[in-house]
């Protein structure tokens, strides 16, 4: 039986750091396959993890929680047949739902000989409240279905951020183990203690299946009646304020969005060369604009000033650059809200 561990986290939470730590400790000497589901057309993380010496299978066609479930299941079977791993690590996109990944694994577990193992969500304590407010259902889902929540950047968090994040986690998942110590400081024994803290997998799978069924029902309903309902709600205000609030709460509870209904994902391969200053200027402008939000961007591009290549990684309020080895071509991927693909292309390539 092949263990399948799911390591989720919302857009730059620090999953790569955790995976690298696990490879050196908990997973050492095991035959590991990492499957990434990138929301977008261009996969980047493979370039960051090649040095770990593990197989990477990137799937870039869309979001795992909607269009990729079928292909994803087939890919799982292919991975088992090709690599015969002892363990598979699935790292879903930051805008995927942990419950949908679990459901996809469950759907193929018998024929592929799989068993769900660790369900880990990595959470950046500095951005917890912001992401909860702006992207509620996606963010909450990754907390609700985790057996272990790993806090990142607690060592550089502003006062009160870690406590506030802990309160959010406890509100939505009181049973999960929460790791507040920076993972770099933990030994294997401490990590294993947190990972083996289990919440009821069977109950979580039943919940995921129920939510998926509700989503399919409401998605169909919405498709059939959206225009009629839209005009009804805009032309007739017959509800009292209390009734409106109640309806809104019910809507938020029952309606489930596809990630590609909410986010714009744009990616490209490019031979363009950039300076570090130009890249910083691009993201400084995003920080200052009120038009929309760049939730995540990362890339590997030629350095205009020498023969080295620039690896960059951006989440709101944090931009990191490092120098790395050349790739066969440059790659940029952006996940945004409030920008079109054409606007993003003009900003980066125009």
Protein backbone atom coordinates (compact mmCIF):
# COMPACT_ATOMS: atom_id res chain seq x y z
CA UNK A 1 0.00 0.00 0.00
CA UNK A 2 1.42 3.37 -1.09
CA UNK A 3 0.98 6.23 1.36
CA UNK A 4 -0.26 9.48 -0.17
CA UNK A 5 0.57 12.61 1.81
CA UNK A 6 -1.08 15.89 0.86
CA UNK A 7 0.78 19.12 1.63
CA UNK A 8 -1.40 22.12 0.90
CA UNK A 9 -0.96 25.79 1.65
CA UNK A 10 -2.32 29.03 0.34
CA UNK A 11 -0.08 30.74 -2.20
CA UNK A 12 3.48 30.92 -1.01
CA UNK A 13 2.86 29.72 2.50
CA UNK A 14 6.18 27.90 2.70
CA UNK A 15 5.38 24.42 1.40
CA UNK A 16 8.72 24.01 -0.36
CA UNK A 17 10.61 24.62 2.89
CA UNK A 18 8.52 21.98 4.67
CA UNK A 19 8.94 19.44 1.87
CA UNK A 20 12.71 19.89 1.86
CA UNK A 21 12.77 19.40 5.63
CA UNK A 22 10.66 16.24 5.39
CA UNK A 23 12.92 14.82 2.69
CA UNK A 24 15.90 15.17 4.99
CA UNK A 25 14.17 13.67 8.03
CA UNK A 26 10.84 11.84 7.96
CA UNK A 27 11.12 10.76 4.30
CA UNK A 28 14.84 10.04 4.17
CA UNK A 29 15.86 6.88 2.30
CA UNK A 30 12.34 6.43 0.94
CA UNK A 31 11.40 6.22 -2.74
CA UNK A 32 9.37 9.43 -3.05
CA UNK A 33 7.37 10.90 -5.93
CA UNK A 34 6.15 14.48 -5.72
CA UNK A 35 3.10 15.41 -7.77
CA UNK A 36 2.44 19.09 -8.21
CA UNK A 37 -0.81 20.56 -9.42
CA UNK A 38 -0.07 24.06 -10.67
CA UNK A 39 -3.02 26.40 -11.12
CA UNK A 40 -1.88 27.85 -14.42
CA UNK A 41 -0.18 26.89 -17.65
CA UNK A 42 3.46 27.10 -16.66
CA UNK A 43 4.96 24.97 -13.91
CA UNK A 44 7.68 26.64 -11.88
CA UNK A 45 8.15 24.66 -8.67
CA UNK A 46 9.89 21.83 -10.50
CA UNK A 47 12.85 24.13 -11.02
CA UNK A 48 13.04 24.86 -7.31
CA UNK A 49 12.98 21.22 -6.23
CA UNK A 50 15.13 19.47 -8.84
CA UNK A 51 18.09 19.55 -6.49
CA UNK A 52 16.22 17.35 -4.00
CA UNK A 53 16.69 14.39 -6.35
CA UNK A 54 13.04 13.34 -6.58
CA UNK A 55 10.75 12.78 -9.52
CA UNK A 56 8.42 15.66 -10.29
CA UNK A 57 5.29 15.26 -12.35
CA UNK A 58 3.68 18.60 -13.06
CA UNK A 59 0.10 18.93 -14.23
CA UNK A 60 -0.56 22.39 -15.56
CA UNK A 61 -3.91 22.21 -17.34
CA UNK A 62 -6.10 23.65 -14.62
CA UNK A 63 -7.28 23.38 -11.05
CA UNK A 64 -7.34 20.02 -9.33
CA UNK A 65 -10.68 20.78 -7.71
CA UNK A 66 -12.52 20.97 -11.01
CA UNK A 67 -11.21 20.07 -14.45
CA UNK A 68 -8.30 17.84 -13.44
CA UNK A 69 -9.91 15.24 -11.18
CA UNK A 70 -10.14 12.65 -13.95
CA UNK A 71 -6.64 13.19 -15.30
CA UNK A 72 -5.32 13.45 -11.78
CA UNK A 73 -6.61 9.99 -10.88
CA UNK A 74 -5.07 8.53 -14.03
CA UNK A 75 -1.80 10.25 -13.19
CA UNK A 76 -1.77 8.68 -9.74
CA UNK A 77 -2.08 5.22 -11.26
CA UNK A 78 0.64 6.03 -13.79
CA UNK A 79 2.97 7.22 -11.03
CA UNK A 80 2.52 3.98 -9.07
CA UNK A 81 3.07 1.79 -12.14
CA UNK A 82 6.09 3.75 -13.38
CA UNK A 83 8.01 4.61 -10.22
CA UNK A 84 6.75 2.09 -7.64
CA UNK A 85 7.08 4.67 -4.86
CA UNK A 86 6.85 3.97 -1.17
CA UNK A 87 5.20 7.34 -0.72
CA UNK A 88 3.59 9.97 -2.93
CA UNK A 89 3.55 13.62 -1.92
CA UNK A 90 0.82 15.72 -3.52
CA UNK A 91 1.35 19.46 -3.41
CA UNK A 92 -1.83 21.08 -4.70
CA UNK A 93 -1.99 24.61 -5.98
CA UNK A 94 -2.57 27.30 -3.40
CA UNK A 95 -6.05 27.89 -4.77
CA UNK A 96 -7.06 24.23 -4.68
CA UNK A 97 -9.25 22.64 -2.02
CA UNK A 98 -7.77 19.98 0.22
CA UNK A 99 -11.11 18.15 0.33
CA UNK A 100 -11.10 17.72 -3.46
CA UNK A 101 -7.58 16.30 -3.45
CA UNK A 102 -8.64 13.80 -0.78
CA UNK A 103 -11.72 12.84 -2.78
CA UNK A 104 -9.65 12.30 -5.93
CA UNK A 105 -7.21 10.02 -4.09
CA UNK A 106 -10.06 8.12 -2.47
CA UNK A 107 -11.65 7.54 -5.88
CA UNK A 108 -8.67 5.61 -7.20
CA UNK A 109 -7.20 4.14 -4.01
CA UNK A 110 -8.30 0.52 -4.51
CA UNK A 111 -7.14 0.07 -8.12
CA UNK A 112 -3.88 1.94 -7.51
CA UNK A 113 -3.18 0.53 -4.04
CA UNK A 114 -3.17 3.89 -2.27
CA UNK A 115 -3.83 5.03 1.28
CA UNK A 116 -4.16 8.64 2.43
CA UNK A 117 -1.49 9.47 4.99
CA UNK A 118 -0.62 12.92 6.30
CA UNK A 119 -2.90 15.86 5.50
CA UNK A 120 -0.77 18.92 6.11
CA UNK A 121 -1.64 22.57 5.57
CA UNK A 122 1.11 25.18 5.74
CA UNK A 123 -0.12 28.57 6.90
CA UNK A 124 1.78 31.87 6.81
CA UNK A 125 0.78 33.53 10.10
CA UNK A 126 1.46 37.01 8.71
CA UNK A 127 -1.16 36.64 5.97
CA UNK A 128 -3.73 34.47 7.71
CA UNK A 129 -6.33 37.16 8.43
CA UNK A 130 -5.94 38.75 4.97
CA UNK A 131 -6.41 35.49 3.09
CA UNK A 132 -9.29 34.45 5.32
CA UNK A 133 -11.09 37.69 4.56
CA UNK A 134 -10.45 37.75 0.82
CA UNK A 135 -10.63 34.07 -0.12
CA UNK A 136 -12.72 32.54 2.62
CA UNK A 137 -13.98 29.19 1.33
CA UNK A 138 -10.68 28.16 -0.30
CA UNK A 139 -8.64 29.14 2.73
CA UNK A 140 -10.99 27.64 5.30
CA UNK A 141 -11.18 24.36 3.39
CA UNK A 142 -7.44 23.80 3.69
CA UNK A 143 -7.66 24.36 7.43
CA UNK A 144 -10.78 22.25 7.98
CA UNK A 145 -9.45 19.11 6.31
CA UNK A 146 -5.90 19.12 7.68
CA UNK A 147 -4.72 16.67 10.31
CA UNK A 148 -1.69 18.90 10.94
CA UNK A 149 -1.35 22.67 10.41
CA UNK A 150 2.21 23.95 10.13
CA UNK A 151 2.72 27.66 10.79
CA UNK A 152 5.40 29.36 8.72
CA UNK A 153 7.29 32.60 9.33
CA UNK A 154 6.53 32.60 13.05
CA UNK A 155 10.13 33.69 13.59
CA UNK A 156 9.52 36.97 11.74
CA UNK A 157 5.86 37.47 12.63
CA UNK A 158 4.69 40.75 14.10
CA UNK A 159 3.40 40.63 17.66
CA UNK A 160 0.03 38.96 17.95
CA UNK A 161 0.05 37.41 14.45
CA UNK A 162 0.80 33.86 15.61
CA UNK A 163 -1.87 34.00 18.34
CA UNK A 164 -4.43 35.37 15.87
CA UNK A 165 -3.64 32.62 13.35
CA UNK A 166 -3.94 29.98 16.07
CA UNK A 167 -7.40 31.31 16.95
CA UNK A 168 -8.46 31.02 13.30
CA UNK A 169 -7.26 27.42 13.09
CA UNK A 170 -8.93 26.41 16.35
CA UNK A 171 -12.20 27.98 15.19
CA UNK A 172 -12.30 25.91 12.02
CA UNK A 173 -10.44 22.76 13.10
CA UNK A 174 -10.03 22.20 16.82
CA UNK A 175 -8.60 18.68 16.37
CA UNK A 176 -5.60 19.40 14.15
CA UNK A 177 -2.10 19.46 15.60
CA UNK A 178 -0.61 22.92 15.15
CA UNK A 179 3.14 23.37 14.68
CA UNK A 180 4.19 26.87 15.77
CA UNK A 181 7.95 26.28 15.95
CA UNK A 182 9.79 27.05 12.67
CA UNK A 183 10.17 23.72 10.85
CA UNK A 184 13.89 24.33 10.31
CA UNK A 185 14.35 24.04 14.10
CA UNK A 186 12.44 20.77 14.55
CA UNK A 187 14.05 17.36 14.70
CA UNK A 188 12.55 14.25 13.14
CA UNK A 189 10.96 13.07 16.39
CA UNK A 190 9.12 16.35 16.91
CA UNK A 191 7.92 16.45 13.33
CA UNK A 192 6.63 12.89 13.49
CA UNK A 193 4.76 13.61 16.72
CA UNK A 194 2.87 16.42 15.00
CA UNK A 195 2.24 14.50 11.78
CA UNK A 196 0.94 11.40 13.54
CA UNK A 197 -1.67 13.42 15.37
CA UNK A 198 -4.64 12.10 13.40
CA UNK A 199 -8.11 13.47 12.92
CA UNK A 200 -10.81 11.12 11.69
CA UNK A 201 -10.03 10.44 8.02
CA UNK A 202 -13.28 8.57 7.36
CA UNK A 203 -15.36 11.45 8.69
CA UNK A 204 -13.36 13.96 6.64
CA UNK A 205 -13.88 11.92 3.44
CA UNK A 206 -17.62 11.70 4.03
CA UNK A 207 -17.72 15.45 4.56
CA UNK A 208 -15.73 16.06 1.37
CA UNK A 209 -18.07 13.85 -0.65
CA UNK A 210 -21.14 15.62 0.74
CA UNK A 211 -19.71 19.05 -0.05
CA UNK A 212 -18.84 17.93 -3.58
CA UNK A 213 -22.38 16.66 -4.14
CA UNK A 214 -23.80 19.97 -2.88
CA UNK A 215 -21.42 21.86 -5.13
CA UNK A 216 -22.50 19.90 -8.21
CA UNK A 217 -26.17 20.49 -7.38
CA UNK A 218 -25.78 24.21 -6.79
CA UNK A 219 -23.48 24.67 -9.77
CA UNK A 220 -26.15 23.13 -12.02
CA UNK A 221 -28.84 25.20 -10.32
CA UNK A 222 -26.82 28.35 -10.78
CA UNK A 223 -26.27 27.63 -14.47
CA UNK A 224 -29.98 27.12 -15.10
CA UNK A 225 -31.31 30.06 -13.11
CA UNK A 226 -28.51 32.59 -12.83
CA UNK A 227 -30.00 35.17 -15.22
CA UNK A 228 -33.48 34.99 -13.73
CA UNK A 229 -32.17 35.18 -10.16
CA UNK A 230 -29.83 38.02 -11.04
CA UNK A 231 -32.67 40.19 -12.31
CA UNK A 232 -34.97 39.16 -9.48
CA UNK A 233 -32.51 40.19 -6.77
CA UNK A 234 -31.62 43.47 -8.44
CA UNK A 235 -35.19 44.58 -9.22
CA UNK A 236 -37.11 43.35 -6.20
CA UNK A 237 -36.04 44.11 -2.68
CA UNK A 238 -38.78 42.36 -0.70
CA UNK A 239 -36.69 40.98 2.12
CA UNK A 240 -36.26 42.62 5.49
CA UNK A 241 -32.66 43.31 6.55
CA UNK A 242 -32.67 40.30 8.87
CA UNK A 243 -33.95 38.01 6.12
CA UNK A 244 -31.29 39.32 3.75
CA UNK A 245 -28.54 38.57 6.26
CA UNK A 246 -29.92 35.08 6.81
CA UNK A 247 -30.08 34.42 3.07
CA UNK A 248 -26.53 35.70 2.62
CA UNK A 249 -25.24 33.42 5.37
CA UNK A 250 -26.98 30.41 3.82
CA UNK A 251 -25.57 31.29 0.42
CA UNK A 252 -22.05 31.51 1.78
CA UNK A 253 -22.44 28.18 3.53
CA UNK A 254 -23.86 26.22 0.62
CA UNK A 255 -22.35 27.74 -2.50
CA UNK A 256 -18.96 26.46 -3.64
CA UNK A 257 -16.86 28.19 -6.28
CA UNK A 258 -14.45 26.83 -8.82
CA UNK A 259 -11.04 28.39 -8.44
CA UNK A 260 -11.04 29.48 -12.08
CA UNK A 261 -14.27 31.43 -11.51
CA UNK A 262 -12.49 33.63 -8.97
CA UNK A 263 -8.85 33.84 -10.00
CA UNK A 264 -6.95 34.70 -13.16
CA UNK A 265 -4.01 32.45 -13.86
CA UNK A 266 -1.49 33.56 -16.46
CA UNK A 267 1.79 31.97 -17.35
CA UNK A 268 4.29 32.20 -20.14
CA UNK A 269 7.64 30.99 -21.34
CA UNK A 270 9.87 33.90 -22.31
CA UNK A 271 13.34 34.64 -23.58
CA UNK A 272 13.14 38.18 -22.16
CA UNK A 273 15.91 39.25 -19.81
CA UNK A 274 15.21 41.22 -16.63
CA UNK A 275 17.21 43.12 -14.07
CA UNK A 276 16.46 42.66 -10.40
CA UNK A 277 15.47 46.33 -10.25
CA UNK A 278 12.92 45.91 -13.04
CA UNK A 279 11.31 42.94 -11.31
CA UNK A 280 11.16 44.82 -8.01
CA UNK A 281 9.57 47.80 -9.79
CA UNK A 282 6.86 45.57 -11.29
CA UNK A 283 5.86 44.19 -7.91
CA UNK A 284 6.19 47.53 -6.14
CA UNK A 285 3.60 48.85 -8.61
CA UNK A 286 1.27 45.94 -7.82
CA UNK A 287 1.59 46.77 -4.13
CA UNK A 288 0.64 50.39 -4.74
CA UNK A 289 -2.29 49.82 -7.13
CA UNK A 290 -5.86 49.37 -5.92
CA UNK A 291 -7.02 47.72 -9.16
CA UNK A 292 -6.61 44.16 -7.96
CA UNK A 293 -4.34 41.77 -6.12
CA UNK A 294 -1.43 39.61 -7.22
CA UNK A 295 -1.87 36.60 -4.97
CA UNK A 296 1.23 34.78 -6.13
CA UNK A 297 3.89 35.09 -8.76
CA UNK A 298 7.09 33.23 -9.34
CA UNK A 299 9.48 32.76 -12.13
CA UNK A 300 12.88 31.85 -13.53
CA UNK A 301 14.20 34.45 -15.99
CA UNK A 302 17.43 35.51 -17.66
CA UNK A 303 19.47 38.14 -15.85
CA UNK A 304 20.01 41.14 -18.15
CA UNK A 305 23.22 42.08 -16.36
CA UNK A 306 25.20 38.82 -16.48
CA UNK A 307 24.98 35.15 -17.44
CA UNK A 308 23.22 34.03 -14.26
CA UNK A 309 19.49 33.53 -13.93
CA UNK A 310 17.05 35.16 -11.52
CA UNK A 311 14.60 33.08 -9.49
CA UNK A 312 11.84 35.20 -7.96
CA UNK A 313 8.92 34.48 -5.66
CA UNK A 314 6.20 36.96 -4.67
CA UNK A 315 3.25 37.00 -2.30
CA UNK A 316 1.61 40.22 -1.04
CA UNK A 317 4.08 42.13 1.09
CA UNK A 318 6.99 39.80 0.39
CA UNK A 319 9.28 39.58 -2.64
CA UNK A 320 12.24 37.20 -2.72
CA UNK A 321 15.01 36.94 -5.31
CA UNK A 322 17.86 34.47 -5.60
CA UNK A 323 20.39 33.62 -8.28
CA UNK A 324 20.23 30.12 -9.73
CA UNK A 325 21.22 27.85 -12.60
CA UNK A 326 19.94 28.49 -16.15
CA UNK A 327 16.78 26.80 -17.38
CA UNK A 328 16.07 25.98 -21.03
CA UNK A 329 13.92 29.12 -21.21
CA UNK A 330 12.46 31.71 -18.89
CA UNK A 331 9.14 31.10 -17.14
CA UNK A 332 6.74 33.40 -15.32
CA UNK A 333 3.47 32.45 -13.65
CA UNK A 334 0.99 34.78 -11.95
CA UNK A 335 -2.20 34.11 -9.98
CA UNK A 336 -4.28 37.25 -9.58
CA UNK A 337 -7.68 38.68 -8.78
CA UNK A 338 -8.83 41.81 -10.59
CA UNK A 339 -6.45 41.55 -13.57
CA UNK A 340 -7.06 40.01 -17.00
CA UNK A 341 -4.56 37.75 -18.73
CA UNK A 342 -3.99 40.48 -21.34
CA UNK A 343 -3.15 43.04 -18.64
CA UNK A 344 -0.69 40.69 -16.97
CA UNK A 345 0.97 39.88 -20.27
CA UNK A 346 1.44 43.60 -21.03
CA UNK A 347 2.92 44.26 -17.58
CA UNK A 348 5.49 41.48 -17.77
CA UNK A 349 6.22 41.26 -21.50
CA UNK A 350 5.11 44.65 -22.87
